[in-house]
């Protein structure tokens, strides 16, 4: 009997996103966000199980004013993210994950306050 090693899949994919923010403390309407992010993921070889992923991409915001006390200098932002979750392996390939995301213009122009998001994410393929 030889040693058995767990099989791990490494995956590189892309996420195109469209979203909206409703910033706390803002009297403005929803702020639009269009993004494109390459994602590096590691997970087990089965249809279900835990996974981890990281990504860094580009986002274009509909405006630079976030709230009465915070504003970006540019509508273009970089978005970095890290996530960990579980893939259920059901017919929809549904997943549940916790995700941290940071937006910043990487010092292209001041002010560059950046903003962080802590998210609970559910996704399904259709």
Foldseek 3Di string as FASTA:
>chain_A
DDDDDFAKDKDKDKDWDWDWDDAPQAPDDIKIKTWMKIKIKMFGPDLKDKIKMKIKIKMFIPAQDRHPVGGAPHRIKMKIKIKMWIQDNPPFSKIWIWMKMKIWRVPPDPPTPIDIDIDIDIDTHD
